[in-house]
Amino acid sequence: MERQALRDAVLRYNAEGLSGLYDHPKGRPPRRLTQGEEAALAAVILEGPDPERDGVCAWTRADLCRWMEAHFSKTYHPSSLTRVLRRLGFSRQKIRPAHPQRDAEAQERFKKRGSARP
């Protein structure tokens, strides 16, 4: 044991007794997003992206990081954003992306007749 560590242990023992020798919880850093920003992020996710406005047809973590940087001026790494999304109640599952110019009638025709043209 080094002298400094021994000195620190003696000081903690003198100040707090035997319980002072146990490790204390270090605490967590404060959240970077406010509650209002978290609510806005959740609303944007639930609303879904607008392909013309947002440039994507389905949100990914990287897309959400870019959106947050543009709207909140706060940068996140996509893997760090996972913890925020989990805290907000979202999972990693997402719907299958759909092309914004898809033809619903053609899809129904395909379901009925297969790939035959009209």
PDB file of N, CA and C in Angstrom:
ATOM      1  N   MET A   1       0.853  -1.173   0.000  1.00  0.00           N
ATOM      2  CA  MET A   1       0.000   0.000   0.000  1.00  0.00           C
ATOM      3  C   MET A   1       0.900   1.237   0.000  1.00  0.00           C
ATOM      4  N   GLU A   2       0.559   2.184  -0.800  1.00  0.00           N
ATOM      5  CA  GLU A   2       1.350   3.403  -0.848  1.00  0.00           C
ATOM      6  C   GLU A   2       1.002   4.305   0.327  1.00  0.00           C
ATOM      7  N   ARG A   3       1.900   5.221   0.586  1.00  0.00           N
ATOM      8  CA  ARG A   3       1.716   6.110   1.740  1.00  0.00           C
ATOM      9  C   ARG A   3       0.469   6.970   1.607  1.00  0.00           C
ATOM     10  N   GLN A   4       0.229   7.462   0.391  1.00  0.00           N
ATOM     11  CA  GLN A   4      -0.919   8.355   0.195  1.00  0.00           C
ATOM     12  C   GLN A   4      -2.225   7.609   0.434  1.00  0.00           C
ATOM     13  N   ALA A   5      -2.323   6.371  -0.069  1.00  0.00           N
ATOM     14  CA  ALA A   5      -3.539   5.587   0.138  1.00  0.00           C
ATOM     15  C   ALA A   5      -3.734   5.273   1.621  1.00  0.00           C
ATOM     16  N   LEU A   6      -2.647   4.953   2.321  1.00  0.00           N
ATOM     17  CA  LEU A   6      -2.738   4.683   3.755  1.00  0.00           C
ATOM     18  C   LEU A   6      -3.177   5.927   4.513  1.00  0.00           C
ATOM     19  N   ARG A   7      -2.619   7.078   4.141  1.00  0.00           N
ATOM     20  CA  ARG A   7      -2.982   8.347   4.793  1.00  0.00           C
ATOM     21  C   ARG A   7      -4.463   8.653   4.581  1.00  0.00           C
ATOM     22  N   ASP A   8      -4.933   8.464   3.345  1.00  0.00           N
ATOM     23  CA  ASP A   8      -6.348   8.712   3.056  1.00  0.00           C
ATOM     24  C   ASP A   8      -7.241   7.792   3.871  1.00  0.00           C
ATOM     25  N   ALA A   9      -6.846   6.508   4.002  1.00  0.00           N
ATOM     26  CA  ALA A   9      -7.640   5.557   4.766  1.00  0.00           C
ATOM     27  C   ALA A   9      -7.672   5.944   6.243  1.00  0.00           C
ATOM     28  N   VAL A  10      -6.550   6.389   6.790  1.00  0.00           N
ATOM     29  CA  VAL A  10      -6.503   6.797   8.192  1.00  0.00           C
ATOM     30  C   VAL A  10      -7.385   8.019   8.420  1.00  0.00           C
ATOM     31  N   LEU A  11      -7.334   8.981   7.525  1.00  0.00           N
ATOM     32  CA  LEU A  11      -8.169  10.179   7.653  1.00  0.00           C
ATOM     33  C   LEU A  11      -9.653   9.830   7.595  1.00  0.00           C
ATOM     34  N   ARG A  12     -10.031   8.932   6.681  1.00  0.00           N
ATOM     35  CA  ARG A  12     -11.438   8.532   6.600  1.00  0.00           C
ATOM     36  C   ARG A  12     -11.862   7.769   7.847  1.00  0.00           C
ATOM     37  N   TYR A  13     -10.969   6.918   8.367  1.00  0.00           N
ATOM     38  CA  TYR A  13     -11.281   6.159   9.585  1.00  0.00           C
ATOM     39  C   TYR A  13     -11.447   7.102  10.770  1.00  0.00           C
ATOM     40  N   ASN A  14     -10.580   8.092  10.878  1.00  0.00           N
ATOM     41  CA  ASN A  14     -10.684   9.042  11.986  1.00  0.00           C
ATOM     42  C   ASN A  14     -11.955   9.883  11.883  1.00  0.00           C
ATOM     43  N   ALA A  15     -12.363  10.204  10.672  1.00  0.00           N
ATOM     44  CA  ALA A  15     -13.533  11.059  10.496  1.00  0.00           C
ATOM     45  C   ALA A  15     -14.843  10.280  10.622  1.00  0.00           C
ATOM     46  N   GLU A  16     -14.907   9.053  10.056  1.00  0.00           N
ATOM     47  CA  GLU A  16     -16.177   8.340   9.973  1.00  0.00           C
ATOM     48  C   GLU A  16     -16.185   7.007  10.704  1.00  0.00           C
ATOM     49  N   GLY A  17     -15.097   6.592  11.220  1.00  0.00           N
ATOM     50  CA  GLY A  17     -15.040   5.296  11.894  1.00  0.00           C
ATOM     51  C   GLY A  17     -14.842   4.183  10.886  1.00  0.00           C
ATOM     52  N   LEU A  18     -15.254   2.988  11.260  1.00  0.00           N
ATOM     53  CA  LEU A  18     -15.060   1.814  10.419  1.00  0.00           C
ATOM     54  C   LEU A  18     -15.821   1.927   9.092  1.00  0.00           C
ATOM     55  N   SER A  19     -16.990   2.573   9.100  1.00  0.00           N
ATOM     56  CA  SER A  19     -17.768   2.710   7.859  1.00  0.00           C
ATOM     57  C   SER A  19     -17.057   3.610   6.849  1.00  0.00           C
ATOM     58  N   GLY A  20     -16.119   4.438   7.308  1.00  0.00           N
ATOM     59  CA  GLY A  20     -15.373   5.296   6.387  1.00  0.00           C
ATOM     60  C   GLY A  20     -14.385   4.544   5.526  1.00  0.00           C
ATOM     61  N   LEU A  21     -14.068   3.301   5.881  1.00  0.00           N
ATOM     62  CA  LEU A  21     -13.124   2.516   5.090  1.00  0.00           C
ATOM     63  C   LEU A  21     -13.779   1.837   3.899  1.00  0.00           C
ATOM     64  N   TYR A  22     -15.124   1.777   3.880  1.00  0.00           N
ATOM     65  CA  TYR A  22     -15.823   1.189   2.736  1.00  0.00           C
ATOM     66  C   TYR A  22     -15.900   2.204   1.607  1.00  0.00           C
ATOM     67  N   ASP A  23     -15.939   1.694   0.387  1.00  0.00           N
ATOM     68  CA  ASP A  23     -16.056   2.575  -0.778  1.00  0.00           C
ATOM     69  C   ASP A  23     -17.408   3.265  -0.770  1.00  0.00           C
ATOM     70  N   HIS A  24     -17.415   4.510  -1.171  1.00  0.00           N
ATOM     71  CA  HIS A  24     -18.647   5.286  -1.279  1.00  0.00           C
ATOM     72  C   HIS A  24     -19.082   5.306  -2.738  1.00  0.00           C
ATOM     73  N   PRO A  25     -20.388   5.340  -3.001  1.00  0.00           N
ATOM     74  CA  PRO A  25     -20.829   5.443  -4.386  1.00  0.00           C
ATOM     75  C   PRO A  25     -20.316   6.738  -5.004  1.00  0.00           C
ATOM     76  N   LYS A  26     -19.900   6.637  -6.239  1.00  0.00           N
ATOM     77  CA  LYS A  26     -19.295   7.787  -6.920  1.00  0.00           C
ATOM     78  C   LYS A  26     -20.327   8.761  -7.479  1.00  0.00           C
ATOM     79  N   GLY A  27     -21.536   8.305  -7.688  1.00  0.00           N
ATOM     80  CA  GLY A  27     -22.543   9.184  -8.268  1.00  0.00           C
ATOM     81  C   GLY A  27     -22.519   9.103  -9.782  1.00  0.00           C
ATOM     82  N   ARG A  28     -23.454   9.738 -10.394  1.00  0.00           N
ATOM     83  CA  ARG A  28     -23.560   9.719 -11.844  1.00  0.00           C
ATOM     84  C   ARG A  28     -23.478  11.141 -12.364  1.00  0.00           C
ATOM     85  N   PRO A  29     -23.005  11.302 -13.579  1.00  0.00           N
ATOM     86  CA  PRO A  29     -22.985  12.648 -14.147  1.00  0.00           C
ATOM     87  C   PRO A  29     -24.416  13.127 -14.407  1.00  0.00           C
ATOM     88  N   PRO A  30     -24.641  14.416 -14.393  1.00  0.00           N
ATOM     89  CA  PRO A  30     -25.996  14.919 -14.643  1.00  0.00           C
ATOM     90  C   PRO A  30     -26.431  14.613 -16.074  1.00  0.00           C
ATOM     91  N   ARG A  31     -27.720  14.508 -16.262  1.00  0.00           N
ATOM     92  CA  ARG A  31     -28.248  14.237 -17.600  1.00  0.00           C
ATOM     93  C   ARG A  31     -27.983  15.416 -18.514  1.00  0.00           C
ATOM     94  N   ARG A  32     -27.671  15.107 -19.754  1.00  0.00           N
ATOM     95  CA  ARG A  32     -27.360  16.167 -20.711  1.00  0.00           C
ATOM     96  C   ARG A  32     -28.617  16.762 -21.331  1.00  0.00           C
ATOM     97  N   LEU A  33     -29.692  15.970 -21.405  1.00  0.00           N
ATOM     98  CA  LEU A  33     -30.947  16.467 -21.949  1.00  0.00           C
ATOM     99  C   LEU A  33     -31.892  16.829 -20.811  1.00  0.00           C
ATOM    100  N   THR A  34     -32.567  17.942 -20.958  1.00  0.00           N
ATOM    101  CA  THR A  34     -33.568  18.321 -19.969  1.00  0.00           C
ATOM    102  C   THR A  34     -34.821  17.470 -20.183  1.00  0.00           C
ATOM    103  N   GLN A  35     -35.755  17.550 -19.247  1.00  0.00           N
ATOM    104  CA  GLN A  35     -36.992  16.779 -19.388  1.00  0.00           C
ATOM    105  C   GLN A  35     -37.777  17.226 -20.610  1.00  0.00           C
ATOM    106  N   GLY A  36     -37.766  18.526 -20.885  1.00  0.00           N
ATOM    107  CA  GLY A  36     -38.462  19.031 -22.069  1.00  0.00           C
ATOM    108  C   GLY A  36     -37.842  18.520 -23.359  1.00  0.00           C
ATOM    109  N   GLU A  37     -36.518  18.458 -23.395  1.00  0.00           N
ATOM    110  CA  GLU A  37     -35.838  17.948 -24.586  1.00  0.00           C
ATOM    111  C   GLU A  37     -36.088  16.452 -24.757  1.00  0.00           C
ATOM    112  N   GLU A  38     -36.119  15.715 -23.646  1.00  0.00           N
ATOM    113  CA  GLU A  38     -36.428  14.289 -23.724  1.00  0.00           C
ATOM    114  C   GLU A  38     -37.861  14.079 -24.222  1.00  0.00           C
ATOM    115  N   ALA A  39     -38.779  14.905 -23.769  1.00  0.00           N
ATOM    116  CA  ALA A  39     -40.171  14.801 -24.225  1.00  0.00           C
ATOM    117  C   ALA A  39     -40.269  15.122 -25.714  1.00  0.00           C
ATOM    118  N   ALA A  40     -39.533  16.134 -26.161  1.00  0.00           N
ATOM    119  CA  ALA A  40     -39.541  16.483 -27.582  1.00  0.00           C
ATOM    120  C   ALA A  40     -38.943  15.357 -28.425  1.00  0.00           C
ATOM    121  N   LEU A  41     -37.876  14.743 -27.936  1.00  0.00           N
ATOM    122  CA  LEU A  41     -37.262  13.624 -28.649  1.00  0.00           C
ATOM    123  C   LEU A  41     -38.236  12.453 -28.746  1.00  0.00           C
ATOM    124  N   ALA A  42     -38.922  12.144 -27.660  1.00  0.00           N
ATOM    125  CA  ALA A  42     -39.895  11.046 -27.669  1.00  0.00           C
ATOM    126  C   ALA A  42     -41.033  11.348 -28.644  1.00  0.00           C
ATOM    127  N   ALA A  43     -41.490  12.592 -28.684  1.00  0.00           N
ATOM    128  CA  ALA A  43     -42.569  12.961 -29.602  1.00  0.00           C
ATOM    129  C   ALA A  43     -42.128  12.823 -31.052  1.00  0.00           C
ATOM    130  N   VAL A  44     -40.891  13.213 -31.336  1.00  0.00           N
ATOM    131  CA  VAL A  44     -40.371  13.103 -32.703  1.00  0.00           C
ATOM    132  C   VAL A  44     -40.267  11.636 -33.110  1.00  0.00           C
ATOM    133  N   ILE A  45     -39.832  10.792 -32.192  1.00  0.00           N
ATOM    134  CA  ILE A  45     -39.711   9.364 -32.502  1.00  0.00           C
ATOM    135  C   ILE A  45     -41.081   8.756 -32.754  1.00  0.00           C
ATOM    136  N   LEU A  46     -42.054   9.082 -31.902  1.00  0.00           N
ATOM    137  CA  LEU A  46     -43.398   8.522 -32.063  1.00  0.00           C
ATOM    138  C   LEU A  46     -44.088   9.038 -33.319  1.00  0.00           C
ATOM    139  N   GLU A  47     -43.805  10.287 -33.680  1.00  0.00           N
ATOM    140  CA  GLU A  47     -44.397  10.860 -34.891  1.00  0.00           C
ATOM    141  C   GLU A  47     -43.816  10.218 -36.136  1.00  0.00           C
ATOM    142  N   GLY A  48     -42.532   9.873 -36.089  1.00  0.00           N
ATOM    143  CA  GLY A  48     -41.861   9.290 -37.248  1.00  0.00           C
ATOM    144  C   GLY A  48     -41.270  10.383 -38.123  1.00  0.00           C
ATOM    145  N   PRO A  49     -40.311  10.019 -38.945  1.00  0.00           N
ATOM    146  CA  PRO A  49     -39.660  11.022 -39.779  1.00  0.00           C
ATOM    147  C   PRO A  49     -40.494  11.385 -41.002  1.00  0.00           C
ATOM    148  N   ASP A  50     -40.321  12.592 -41.461  1.00  0.00           N
ATOM    149  CA  ASP A  50     -40.912  13.041 -42.715  1.00  0.00           C
ATOM    150  C   ASP A  50     -39.794  12.987 -43.752  1.00  0.00           C
ATOM    151  N   PRO A  51     -39.912  12.147 -44.782  1.00  0.00           N
ATOM    152  CA  PRO A  51     -38.805  11.996 -45.727  1.00  0.00           C
ATOM    153  C   PRO A  51     -38.380  13.297 -46.400  1.00  0.00           C
ATOM    154  N   GLU A  52     -39.325  14.179 -46.667  1.00  0.00           N
ATOM    155  CA  GLU A  52     -38.962  15.436 -47.320  1.00  0.00           C
ATOM    156  C   GLU A  52     -38.269  16.396 -46.359  1.00  0.00           C
ATOM    157  N   ARG A  53     -38.729  16.432 -45.126  1.00  0.00           N
ATOM    158  CA  ARG A  53     -38.164  17.349 -44.146  1.00  0.00           C
ATOM    159  C   ARG A  53     -36.891  16.792 -43.521  1.00  0.00           C
ATOM    160  N   ASP A  54     -36.931  15.515 -43.121  1.00  0.00           N
ATOM    161  CA  ASP A  54     -35.819  14.919 -42.389  1.00  0.00           C
ATOM    162  C   ASP A  54     -34.828  14.178 -43.276  1.00  0.00           C
ATOM    163  N   GLY A  55     -35.246  13.791 -44.474  1.00  0.00           N
ATOM    164  CA  GLY A  55     -34.341  13.112 -45.387  1.00  0.00           C
ATOM    165  C   GLY A  55     -34.186  11.622 -45.109  1.00  0.00           C
ATOM    166  N   VAL A  56     -34.978  11.054 -44.217  1.00  0.00           N
ATOM    167  CA  VAL A  56     -34.925   9.619 -43.926  1.00  0.00           C
ATOM    168  C   VAL A  56     -36.340   9.080 -43.882  1.00  0.00           C
ATOM    169  N   CYS A  57     -36.479   7.760 -44.113  1.00  0.00           N
ATOM    170  CA  CYS A  57     -37.816   7.172 -44.054  1.00  0.00           C
ATOM    171  C   CYS A  57     -38.024   6.386 -42.767  1.00  0.00           C
ATOM    172  N   ALA A  58     -36.949   6.131 -42.012  1.00  0.00           N
ATOM    173  CA  ALA A  58     -37.055   5.466 -40.712  1.00  0.00           C
ATOM    174  C   ALA A  58     -35.922   5.986 -39.841  1.00  0.00           C
ATOM    175  N   TRP A  59     -36.216   6.248 -38.571  1.00  0.00           N
ATOM    176  CA  TRP A  59     -35.188   6.774 -37.677  1.00  0.00           C
ATOM    177  C   TRP A  59     -34.171   5.692 -37.328  1.00  0.00           C
ATOM    178  N   THR A  60     -32.909   6.053 -37.405  1.00  0.00           N
ATOM    179  CA  THR A  60     -31.839   5.238 -36.836  1.00  0.00           C
ATOM    180  C   THR A  60     -31.207   6.068 -35.726  1.00  0.00           C
ATOM    181  N   ARG A  61     -30.374   5.437 -34.924  1.00  0.00           N
ATOM    182  CA  ARG A  61     -29.743   6.186 -33.838  1.00  0.00           C
ATOM    183  C   ARG A  61     -28.865   7.297 -34.383  1.00  0.00           C
ATOM    184  N   ALA A  62     -28.159   7.030 -35.481  1.00  0.00           N
ATOM    185  CA  ALA A  62     -27.303   8.064 -36.074  1.00  0.00           C
ATOM    186  C   ALA A  62     -28.142   9.240 -36.577  1.00  0.00           C
ATOM    187  N   ASP A  63     -29.298   8.945 -37.179  1.00  0.00           N
ATOM    188  CA  ASP A  63     -30.191  10.013 -37.643  1.00  0.00           C
ATOM    189  C   ASP A  63     -30.710  10.835 -36.470  1.00  0.00           C
ATOM    190  N   LEU A  64     -31.061  10.166 -35.380  1.00  0.00           N
ATOM    191  CA  LEU A  64     -31.538  10.886 -34.197  1.00  0.00           C
ATOM    192  C   LEU A  64     -30.433  11.745 -33.589  1.00  0.00           C
ATOM    193  N   CYS A  65     -29.196  11.270 -33.635  1.00  0.00           N
ATOM    194  CA  CYS A  65     -28.077  12.080 -33.133  1.00  0.00           C
ATOM    195  C   CYS A  65     -27.929  13.355 -33.959  1.00  0.00           C
ATOM    196  N   ARG A  66     -28.053  13.218 -35.280  1.00  0.00           N
ATOM    197  CA  ARG A  66     -27.967  14.411 -36.137  1.00  0.00           C
ATOM    198  C   ARG A  66     -29.140  15.358 -35.875  1.00  0.00           C
ATOM    199  N   TRP A  67     -30.331  14.796 -35.671  1.00  0.00           N
ATOM    200  CA  TRP A  67     -31.499  15.630 -35.394  1.00  0.00           C
ATOM    201  C   TRP A  67     -31.320  16.391 -34.082  1.00  0.00           C
ATOM    202  N   MET A  68     -30.815  15.703 -33.054  1.00  0.00           N
ATOM    203  CA  MET A  68     -30.618  16.361 -31.757  1.00  0.00           C
ATOM    204  C   MET A  68     -29.552  17.435 -31.842  1.00  0.00           C
ATOM    205  N   GLU A  69     -28.514  17.198 -32.632  1.00  0.00           N
ATOM    206  CA  GLU A  69     -27.481  18.225 -32.773  1.00  0.00           C
ATOM    207  C   GLU A  69     -28.043  19.465 -33.473  1.00  0.00           C
ATOM    208  N   ALA A  70     -28.915  19.252 -34.452  1.00  0.00           N
ATOM    209  CA  ALA A  70     -29.505  20.382 -35.169  1.00  0.00           C
ATOM    210  C   ALA A  70     -30.511  21.144 -34.314  1.00  0.00           C
ATOM    211  N   HIS A  71     -31.286  20.436 -33.474  1.00  0.00           N
ATOM    212  CA  HIS A  71     -32.348  21.092 -32.720  1.00  0.00           C
ATOM    213  C   HIS A  71     -31.951  21.495 -31.301  1.00  0.00           C
ATOM    214  N   PHE A  72     -31.095  20.718 -30.659  1.00  0.00           N
ATOM    215  CA  PHE A  72     -30.722  20.997 -29.270  1.00  0.00           C
ATOM    216  C   PHE A  72     -29.282  21.463 -29.129  1.00  0.00           C
ATOM    217  N   SER A  73     -28.497  21.390 -30.196  1.00  0.00           N
ATOM    218  CA  SER A  73     -27.062  21.727 -30.174  1.00  0.00           C
ATOM    219  C   SER A  73     -26.308  20.870 -29.154  1.00  0.00           C
ATOM    220  N   LYS A  74     -26.706  19.614 -29.039  1.00  0.00           N
ATOM    221  CA  LYS A  74     -26.045  18.664 -28.135  1.00  0.00           C
ATOM    222  C   LYS A  74     -25.665  17.433 -28.939  1.00  0.00           C
ATOM    223  N   THR A  75     -24.407  17.029 -28.826  1.00  0.00           N
ATOM    224  CA  THR A  75     -23.940  15.888 -29.593  1.00  0.00           C
ATOM    225  C   THR A  75     -23.949  14.633 -28.737  1.00  0.00           C
ATOM    226  N   TYR A  76     -24.350  13.549 -29.354  1.00  0.00           N
ATOM    227  CA  TYR A  76     -24.359  12.232 -28.732  1.00  0.00           C
ATOM    228  C   TYR A  76     -23.733  11.247 -29.707  1.00  0.00           C
ATOM    229  N   HIS A  77     -23.093  10.234 -29.177  1.00  0.00           N
ATOM    230  CA  HIS A  77     -22.670   9.105 -29.991  1.00  0.00           C
ATOM    231  C   HIS A  77     -23.854   8.153 -30.054  1.00  0.00           C
ATOM    232  N   PRO A  78     -24.057   7.473 -31.182  1.00  0.00           N
ATOM    233  CA  PRO A  78     -25.224   6.579 -31.274  1.00  0.00           C
ATOM    234  C   PRO A  78     -25.306   5.538 -30.162  1.00  0.00           C
ATOM    235  N   SER A  79     -24.172   5.009 -29.708  1.00  0.00           N
ATOM    236  CA  SER A  79     -24.245   4.014 -28.635  1.00  0.00           C
ATOM    237  C   SER A  79     -24.644   4.654 -27.306  1.00  0.00           C
ATOM    238  N   SER A  80     -24.304   5.930 -27.100  1.00  0.00           N
ATOM    239  CA  SER A  80     -24.734   6.626 -25.889  1.00  0.00           C
ATOM    240  C   SER A  80     -26.220   6.965 -25.955  1.00  0.00           C
ATOM    241  N   LEU A  81     -26.698   7.195 -27.154  1.00  0.00           N
ATOM    242  CA  LEU A  81     -28.118   7.503 -27.321  1.00  0.00           C
ATOM    243  C   LEU A  81     -28.985   6.300 -26.956  1.00  0.00           C
ATOM    244  N   THR A  82     -28.431   5.102 -27.046  1.00  0.00           N
ATOM    245  CA  THR A  82     -29.177   3.901 -26.682  1.00  0.00           C
ATOM    246  C   THR A  82     -29.661   3.976 -25.246  1.00  0.00           C
ATOM    247  N   ARG A  83     -28.808   4.457 -24.342  1.00  0.00           N
ATOM    248  CA  ARG A  83     -29.212   4.559 -22.931  1.00  0.00           C
ATOM    249  C   ARG A  83     -30.345   5.560 -22.761  1.00  0.00           C
ATOM    250  N   VAL A  84     -30.292   6.656 -23.494  1.00  0.00           N
ATOM    251  CA  VAL A  84     -31.364   7.662 -23.419  1.00  0.00           C
ATOM    252  C   VAL A  84     -32.668   7.062 -23.926  1.00  0.00           C
ATOM    253  N   LEU A  85     -32.605   6.366 -25.058  1.00  0.00           N
ATOM    254  CA  LEU A  85     -33.819   5.778 -25.629  1.00  0.00           C
ATOM    255  C   LEU A  85     -34.395   4.702 -24.716  1.00  0.00           C
ATOM    256  N   ARG A  86     -33.541   3.911 -24.097  1.00  0.00           N
ATOM    257  CA  ARG A  86     -34.017   2.888 -23.167  1.00  0.00           C
ATOM    258  C   ARG A  86     -34.683   3.531 -21.959  1.00  0.00           C
ATOM    259  N   ARG A  87     -34.102   4.644 -21.479  1.00  0.00           N
ATOM    260  CA  ARG A  87     -34.693   5.349 -20.340  1.00  0.00           C
ATOM    261  C   ARG A  87     -36.063   5.918 -20.695  1.00  0.00           C
ATOM    262  N   LEU A  88     -36.246   6.306 -21.969  1.00  0.00           N
ATOM    263  CA  LEU A  88     -37.524   6.850 -22.417  1.00  0.00           C
ATOM    264  C   LEU A  88     -38.548   5.759 -22.737  1.00  0.00           C
ATOM    265  N   GLY A  89     -38.137   4.491 -22.655  1.00  0.00           N
ATOM    266  CA  GLY A  89     -39.073   3.398 -22.874  1.00  0.00           C
ATOM    267  C   GLY A  89     -39.076   2.854 -24.286  1.00  0.00           C
ATOM    268  N   PHE A  90     -38.103   3.185 -25.096  1.00  0.00           N
ATOM    269  CA  PHE A  90     -38.039   2.687 -26.465  1.00  0.00           C
ATOM    270  C   PHE A  90     -37.094   1.498 -26.546  1.00  0.00           C
ATOM    271  N   SER A  91     -37.364   0.599 -27.484  1.00  0.00           N
ATOM    272  CA  SER A  91     -36.500  -0.554 -27.688  1.00  0.00           C
ATOM    273  C   SER A  91     -35.779  -0.383 -29.022  1.00  0.00           C
ATOM    274  N   ARG A  92     -34.924  -1.328 -29.338  1.00  0.00           N
ATOM    275  CA  ARG A  92     -34.160  -1.241 -30.581  1.00  0.00           C
ATOM    276  C   ARG A  92     -34.973  -1.679 -31.777  1.00  0.00           C
ATOM    277  N   GLN A  93     -36.129  -2.265 -31.568  1.00  0.00           N
ATOM    278  CA  GLN A  93     -36.934  -2.740 -32.680  1.00  0.00           C
ATOM    279  C   GLN A  93     -37.485  -1.559 -33.451  1.00  0.00           C
ATOM    280  N   LYS A  94     -37.575  -1.729 -34.744  1.00  0.00           N
ATOM    281  CA  LYS A  94     -38.174  -0.684 -35.563  1.00  0.00           C
ATOM    282  C   LYS A  94     -38.987  -1.323 -36.671  1.00  0.00           C
ATOM    283  N   ILE A  95     -39.880  -0.552 -37.221  1.00  0.00           N
ATOM    284  CA  ILE A  95     -40.710  -1.061 -38.299  1.00  0.00           C
ATOM    285  C   ILE A  95     -39.885  -1.135 -39.568  1.00  0.00           C
ATOM    286  N   ARG A  96     -40.346  -1.932 -40.479  1.00  0.00           N
ATOM    287  CA  ARG A  96     -39.657  -2.020 -41.762  1.00  0.00           C
ATOM    288  C   ARG A  96     -39.835  -0.703 -42.504  1.00  0.00           C
ATOM    289  N   PRO A  97     -38.764  -0.132 -43.036  1.00  0.00           N
ATOM    290  CA  PRO A  97     -38.903   1.140 -43.739  1.00  0.00           C
ATOM    291  C   PRO A  97     -39.745   0.981 -45.002  1.00  0.00           C
ATOM    292  N   ALA A  98     -40.519   1.991 -45.293  1.00  0.00           N
ATOM    293  CA  ALA A  98     -41.368   1.987 -46.476  1.00  0.00           C
ATOM    294  C   ALA A  98     -40.967   3.165 -47.361  1.00  0.00           C
ATOM    295  N   HIS A  99     -40.934   2.921 -48.648  1.00  0.00           N
ATOM    296  CA  HIS A  99     -40.574   3.983 -49.586  1.00  0.00           C
ATOM    297  C   HIS A  99     -41.677   5.032 -49.587  1.00  0.00           C
ATOM    298  N   PRO A 100     -41.318   6.317 -49.587  1.00  0.00           N
ATOM    299  CA  PRO A 100     -42.356   7.354 -49.507  1.00  0.00           C
ATOM    300  C   PRO A 100     -43.249   7.416 -50.737  1.00  0.00           C
ATOM    301  N   GLN A 101     -42.802   6.892 -51.879  1.00  0.00           N
ATOM    302  CA  GLN A 101     -43.606   6.946 -53.098  1.00  0.00           C
ATOM    303  C   GLN A 101     -44.179   5.575 -53.454  1.00  0.00           C
ATOM    304  N   ARG A 102     -44.422   4.756 -52.461  1.00  0.00           N
ATOM    305  CA  ARG A 102     -44.945   3.421 -52.718  1.00  0.00           C
ATOM    306  C   ARG A 102     -46.383   3.519 -53.240  1.00  0.00           C
ATOM    307  N   ASP A 103     -46.778   2.520 -53.976  1.00  0.00           N
ATOM    308  CA  ASP A 103     -48.108   2.493 -54.585  1.00  0.00           C
ATOM    309  C   ASP A 103     -48.939   1.430 -53.863  1.00  0.00           C
ATOM    310  N   ALA A 104     -49.905   1.870 -53.062  1.00  0.00           N
ATOM    311  CA  ALA A 104     -50.716   0.943 -52.272  1.00  0.00           C
ATOM    312  C   ALA A 104     -51.569   0.048 -53.175  1.00  0.00           C
ATOM    313  N   GLU A 105     -52.085   0.603 -54.291  1.00  0.00           N
ATOM    314  CA  GLU A 105     -52.911  -0.201 -55.199  1.00  0.00           C
ATOM    315  C   GLU A 105     -52.094  -1.320 -55.829  1.00  0.00           C
ATOM    316  N   ALA A 106     -50.854  -1.023 -56.208  1.00  0.00           N
ATOM    317  CA  ALA A 106     -49.995  -2.050 -56.802  1.00  0.00           C
ATOM    318  C   ALA A 106     -49.681  -3.140 -55.781  1.00  0.00           C
ATOM    319  N   GLN A 107     -49.541  -2.772 -54.538  1.00  0.00           N
ATOM    320  CA  GLN A 107     -49.294  -3.778 -53.501  1.00  0.00           C
ATOM    321  C   GLN A 107     -50.498  -4.692 -53.339  1.00  0.00           C
ATOM    322  N   GLU A 108     -51.697  -4.135 -53.364  1.00  0.00           N
ATOM    323  CA  GLU A 108     -52.900  -4.948 -53.245  1.00  0.00           C
ATOM    324  C   GLU A 108     -53.056  -5.868 -54.451  1.00  0.00           C
ATOM    325  N   ARG A 109     -52.781  -5.347 -55.669  1.00  0.00           N
ATOM    326  CA  ARG A 109     -52.851  -6.192 -56.865  1.00  0.00           C
ATOM    327  C   ARG A 109     -51.860  -7.342 -56.747  1.00  0.00           C
ATOM    328  N   PHE A 110     -50.668  -7.069 -56.232  1.00  0.00           N
ATOM    329  CA  PHE A 110     -49.652  -8.102 -56.089  1.00  0.00           C
ATOM    330  C   PHE A 110     -50.095  -9.163 -55.085  1.00  0.00           C
ATOM    331  N   LYS A 111     -50.753  -8.729 -54.007  1.00  0.00           N
ATOM    332  CA  LYS A 111     -51.226  -9.690 -53.010  1.00  0.00           C
ATOM    333  C   LYS A 111     -52.288 -10.615 -53.604  1.00  0.00           C
ATOM    334  N   LYS A 112     -53.126 -10.094 -54.519  1.00  0.00           N
ATOM    335  CA  LYS A 112     -54.213 -10.874 -55.078  1.00  0.00           C
ATOM    336  C   LYS A 112     -53.730 -11.780 -56.218  1.00  0.00           C
ATOM    337  N   ARG A 113     -52.902 -11.222 -57.123  1.00  0.00           N
ATOM    338  CA  ARG A 113     -52.547 -11.963 -58.337  1.00  0.00           C
ATOM    339  C   ARG A 113     -51.080 -12.346 -58.444  1.00  0.00           C
ATOM    340  N   GLY A 114     -50.277 -11.959 -57.521  1.00  0.00           N
ATOM    341  CA  GLY A 114     -48.843 -12.223 -57.657  1.00  0.00           C
ATOM    342  C   GLY A 114     -48.183 -11.122 -58.448  1.00  0.00           C
ATOM    343  N   SER A 115     -47.197 -11.450 -59.234  1.00  0.00           N
ATOM    344  CA  SER A 115     -46.435 -10.418 -59.940  1.00  0.00           C
ATOM    345  C   SER A 115     -47.014 -10.111 -61.313  1.00  0.00           C
ATOM    346  N   ALA A 116     -48.198 -10.609 -61.652  1.00  0.00           N
ATOM    347  CA  ALA A 116     -48.791 -10.347 -62.971  1.00  0.00           C
ATOM    348  C   ALA A 116     -49.142  -8.874 -63.105  1.00  0.00           C
ATOM    349  N   ARG A 117     -48.877  -8.319 -64.268  1.00  0.00           N
ATOM    350  CA  ARG A 117     -49.188  -6.910 -64.548  1.00  0.00           C
ATOM    351  C   ARG A 117     -50.678  -6.765 -64.824  1.00  0.00           C
ATOM    352  N   PRO A 118     -51.279  -5.564 -64.607  1.00  0.00           N
ATOM    353  CA  PRO A 118     -52.718  -5.376 -64.868  1.00  0.00           C
ATOM    354  C   PRO A 118     -53.063  -5.408 -66.334  1.00  0.00           C
TER     355      PRO A 118
END
